[in-house]
Amino acid sequence: MDQLDLLKKDWKKQEEALPKYSFDELSQLIHKKSSSIVKWIFIISVLELVLPHLVYLFVDYDTSMQHYKELGIGNFITGFYIIFYIVIFYFIFRFYKNYQSISANSKPKELMQNIIKTRRTVKHYIWFNLAMVPLVSIVILHSTFKSEEFLNQLPENFNMAIIWVISIVVIVIITLLLWLFYRLIYGILLNKLKRNYNELMSNGNEVLQNV
């Protein structure tokens, strides 16, 4: 018997020693894991909303709004905040509903559908947040760069294109860093959900083939 046959024999012994789960038992196990993952997605989204607002304990909000009004974008910033919070609270609500759905429904088909919905919701949430960064930044910078206070501080015949190029580069870097943050935090959880989905799919197909 050569080394390959010995190795195959050893693998077979190891497989026989592993615990065997039925599809229903595996489904229940994946259901618990998926429920825990979605719960963490909900918790992280709430923390992501609450923690940055602790900054307002150290910043004068009225002074900031007065500055935006002087730039002529007070109404834009107010409207942005209203829309932003409505959308963010909607996503948090969707995360909570996804958690409820996955916790309540343990049937494999429904669990797989809820995993797909959760992954889609998280991706939409990430893209919304990423889109807001360049949008708001460019509006604020445009208003700042054309203000008399800012222009009076520049040397004569200074090329504004240089400032815009530097500003765009900084915005891109900030957006990429935010994307990496989401990729790290939510990406790990989404990959775990994807593995759970694939596990259900592959084992479900095996059950159907053996019927």
Protein backbone atom coordinates (compact mmCIF):
# COMPACT_ATOMS: atom_id res chain seq x y z
CA MET A 1 0.00 0.00 0.00
CA ASP A 2 1.55 3.31 -1.08
CA GLN A 3 1.53 6.62 0.80
CA LEU A 4 -1.53 7.96 -1.07
CA ASP A 5 -3.63 4.91 -0.12
CA LEU A 6 -2.52 5.25 3.49
CA LEU A 7 -3.44 8.93 3.47
CA LYS A 8 -6.88 8.22 2.00
CA LYS A 9 -7.45 5.52 4.59
CA ASP A 10 -6.48 7.94 7.35
CA TRP A 11 -8.87 10.59 5.98
CA LYS A 12 -11.69 8.06 5.89
CA LYS A 13 -11.09 7.15 9.54
CA GLN A 14 -11.13 10.82 10.50
CA GLU A 15 -14.41 11.38 8.64
CA GLU A 16 -16.00 8.40 10.38
CA ALA A 17 -14.91 9.80 13.75
CA LEU A 18 -16.60 13.15 13.09
CA PRO A 19 -20.18 13.64 14.40
CA LYS A 20 -22.88 13.17 11.76
CA TYR A 21 -25.66 15.76 11.55
CA SER A 22 -28.97 15.38 9.80
CA PHE A 23 -30.06 18.22 7.50
CA ASP A 24 -32.61 19.40 10.11
CA GLU A 25 -29.98 19.45 12.85
CA LEU A 26 -27.57 21.33 10.61
CA SER A 27 -30.33 23.77 9.68
CA GLN A 28 -31.05 24.49 13.35
CA LEU A 29 -27.35 25.05 14.03
CA ILE A 30 -26.99 27.45 11.08
CA HIS A 31 -30.20 29.18 12.17
CA LYS A 32 -28.70 29.98 15.59
CA LYS A 33 -25.42 31.18 14.07
CA SER A 34 -27.21 33.37 11.51
CA SER A 35 -29.47 34.87 14.17
CA SER A 36 -26.42 35.81 16.24
CA ILE A 37 -24.68 37.38 13.23
CA VAL A 38 -27.70 39.53 12.29
CA LYS A 39 -28.07 40.61 15.92
CA TRP A 40 -24.50 41.91 15.81
CA ILE A 41 -25.20 43.74 12.55
CA PHE A 42 -28.09 45.50 14.28
CA ILE A 43 -25.99 46.33 17.37
CA ILE A 44 -23.08 47.70 15.31
CA SER A 45 -25.39 49.89 13.21
CA VAL A 46 -26.87 51.40 16.39
CA LEU A 47 -23.40 52.03 17.85
CA GLU A 48 -22.33 53.56 14.56
CA LEU A 49 -25.20 56.03 14.85
CA VAL A 50 -24.80 56.82 18.57
CA LEU A 51 -21.02 57.00 19.10
CA PRO A 52 -20.22 59.79 16.57
CA HIS A 53 -22.89 61.96 18.19
CA LEU A 54 -20.88 62.00 21.40
CA VAL A 55 -18.79 64.60 19.57
CA TYR A 56 -21.65 67.05 20.03
CA LEU A 57 -20.87 67.01 23.76
CA PHE A 58 -17.64 68.87 22.92
CA VAL A 59 -18.72 70.89 19.85
CA ASP A 60 -21.00 73.91 19.72
CA TYR A 61 -23.69 72.78 17.28
CA ASP A 62 -25.25 76.27 16.99
CA THR A 63 -21.88 77.78 16.03
CA SER A 64 -21.41 75.15 13.32
CA MET A 65 -24.87 75.79 11.90
CA GLN A 66 -24.24 79.55 11.94
CA HIS A 67 -21.08 78.97 9.91
CA TYR A 68 -23.02 76.94 7.34
CA LYS A 69 -25.65 79.68 7.14
CA GLU A 70 -22.92 82.24 6.44
CA LEU A 71 -21.73 80.03 3.60
CA GLY A 72 -25.28 79.93 2.23
CA ILE A 73 -25.80 76.20 2.75
CA GLY A 74 -27.72 76.26 6.04
CA ASN A 75 -30.89 74.90 4.42
CA PHE A 76 -28.91 72.23 2.56
CA ILE A 77 -27.25 71.00 5.77
CA THR A 78 -30.57 70.97 7.63
CA GLY A 79 -32.23 69.06 4.79
CA PHE A 80 -29.30 66.67 4.62
CA TYR A 81 -29.53 65.89 8.33
CA ILE A 82 -33.29 65.23 8.05
CA ILE A 83 -32.93 62.90 5.06
CA PHE A 84 -29.81 61.22 6.50
CA TYR A 85 -31.44 60.36 9.83
CA ILE A 86 -34.65 59.17 8.18
CA VAL A 87 -32.69 56.82 5.93
CA ILE A 88 -30.36 55.62 8.73
CA PHE A 89 -33.26 54.92 11.08
CA TYR A 90 -34.97 53.06 8.24
CA PHE A 91 -31.90 50.83 7.80
CA ILE A 92 -31.65 50.21 11.55
CA PHE A 93 -35.33 49.28 11.53
CA ARG A 94 -34.69 46.90 8.61
CA PHE A 95 -31.76 45.30 10.49
CA TYR A 96 -34.00 44.77 13.48
CA LYS A 97 -36.77 43.27 11.33
CA ASN A 98 -34.23 40.99 9.63
CA TYR A 99 -33.06 39.84 13.05
CA GLN A 100 -36.65 39.16 14.10
CA SER A 101 -37.35 37.25 10.88
CA ILE A 102 -34.25 35.07 11.16
CA SER A 103 -34.86 34.44 14.87
CA ALA A 104 -38.51 33.46 14.30
CA ASN A 105 -38.20 31.39 11.12
CA SER A 106 -36.04 28.29 11.31
CA LYS A 107 -37.25 26.61 8.11
CA PRO A 108 -34.28 26.25 5.72
CA LYS A 109 -35.97 27.93 2.74
CA GLU A 110 -37.15 30.92 4.79
CA LEU A 111 -33.76 31.16 6.51
CA MET A 112 -31.99 31.28 3.16
CA GLN A 113 -34.35 33.99 1.91
CA ASN A 114 -33.79 36.05 5.07
CA ILE A 115 -30.02 35.71 4.74
CA ILE A 116 -30.23 37.07 1.18
CA LYS A 117 -32.41 39.99 2.35
CA THR A 118 -30.04 40.81 5.20
CA ARG A 119 -26.97 40.81 2.95
CA ARG A 120 -28.76 43.04 0.44
CA THR A 121 -29.86 45.48 3.18
CA VAL A 122 -26.33 45.76 4.58
CA LYS A 123 -24.86 46.40 1.13
CA HIS A 124 -27.40 49.16 0.45
CA TYR A 125 -26.63 50.66 3.87
CA ILE A 126 -22.89 50.71 3.13
CA TRP A 127 -23.30 52.28 -0.31
CA PHE A 128 -25.61 54.97 1.07
CA ASN A 129 -23.07 55.98 3.72
CA LEU A 130 -20.22 55.95 1.23
CA ALA A 131 -22.17 58.13 -1.22
CA MET A 132 -22.92 60.76 1.46
CA VAL A 133 -19.23 61.48 2.14
CA PRO A 134 -18.24 62.95 -1.28
CA LEU A 135 -21.68 64.56 -1.78
CA VAL A 136 -21.67 66.62 1.43
CA SER A 137 -17.92 67.27 1.29
CA ILE A 138 -18.04 68.73 -2.22
CA VAL A 139 -21.02 70.99 -1.39
CA ILE A 140 -19.30 72.34 1.74
CA LEU A 141 -15.95 72.81 -0.04
CA HIS A 142 -17.56 74.54 -3.02
CA SER A 143 -19.34 77.01 -0.73
CA THR A 144 -16.19 77.56 1.34
CA PHE A 145 -13.89 78.11 -1.64
CA LYS A 146 -16.12 80.79 -3.14
CA SER A 147 -16.65 82.68 0.14
CA GLU A 148 -14.98 86.09 0.48
CA GLU A 149 -13.42 85.15 3.81
CA PHE A 150 -11.58 82.24 2.22
CA LEU A 151 -10.63 84.07 -1.00
CA ASN A 152 -9.16 86.99 0.95
CA GLN A 153 -6.74 84.61 2.66
CA LEU A 154 -5.29 83.31 -0.62
CA PRO A 155 -2.19 84.80 -2.27
CA GLU A 156 -2.85 86.87 -5.37
CA ASN A 157 -3.31 84.86 -8.59
CA PHE A 158 -3.36 81.59 -6.64
CA ASN A 159 -4.51 78.63 -8.73
CA MET A 160 -7.72 77.25 -7.20
CA ALA A 161 -7.37 74.08 -9.26
CA ILE A 162 -4.53 72.99 -6.96
CA ILE A 163 -6.76 73.28 -3.90
CA TRP A 164 -9.54 71.37 -5.63
CA VAL A 165 -7.20 68.55 -6.68
CA ILE A 166 -5.85 68.22 -3.13
CA SER A 167 -9.37 68.33 -1.69
CA ILE A 168 -10.66 65.65 -4.09
CA VAL A 169 -7.71 63.41 -3.23
CA VAL A 170 -8.44 63.83 0.49
CA ILE A 171 -12.13 63.05 -0.06
CA VAL A 172 -11.25 59.91 -2.02
CA ILE A 173 -8.86 58.77 0.72
CA ILE A 174 -11.47 59.35 3.44
CA THR A 175 -14.10 57.47 1.41
CA LEU A 176 -11.69 54.56 0.86
CA LEU A 177 -10.86 54.43 4.58
CA LEU A 178 -14.56 54.35 5.39
CA TRP A 179 -15.03 51.58 2.80
CA LEU A 180 -12.19 49.60 4.41
CA PHE A 181 -13.85 50.07 7.81
CA TYR A 182 -17.15 48.71 6.47
CA ARG A 183 -15.29 45.96 4.63
CA LEU A 184 -13.64 44.89 7.88
CA ILE A 185 -16.63 45.17 10.23
CA TYR A 186 -19.62 44.25 8.07
CA GLY A 187 -17.61 42.23 5.54
CA ILE A 188 -16.65 39.63 8.15
CA LEU A 189 -20.29 39.24 9.23
CA LEU A 190 -21.57 39.10 5.65
CA ASN A 191 -19.01 36.44 4.73
CA LYS A 192 -20.19 34.33 7.66
CA LEU A 193 -23.79 34.70 6.48
CA LYS A 194 -22.71 33.73 2.97
CA ARG A 195 -21.01 30.58 4.29
CA ASN A 196 -24.18 29.69 6.21
CA TYR A 197 -26.24 30.18 3.04
CA ASN A 198 -23.86 28.04 0.97
CA GLU A 199 -23.89 25.35 3.65
CA LEU A 200 -27.69 25.19 3.59
CA MET A 201 -27.71 25.19 -0.20
CA SER A 202 -25.17 22.40 -0.60
CA ASN A 203 -26.64 20.17 2.11
CA GLY A 204 -30.18 20.83 0.88
CA ASN A 205 -29.20 19.68 -2.59
CA GLU A 206 -27.63 16.53 -1.15
CA VAL A 207 -30.83 15.73 0.72
CA LEU A 208 -32.89 16.17 -2.47
CA GLN A 209 -30.52 13.95 -4.45
CA ASN A 210 -30.77 11.16 -1.86
CA VAL A 211 -34.57 11.17 -1.75
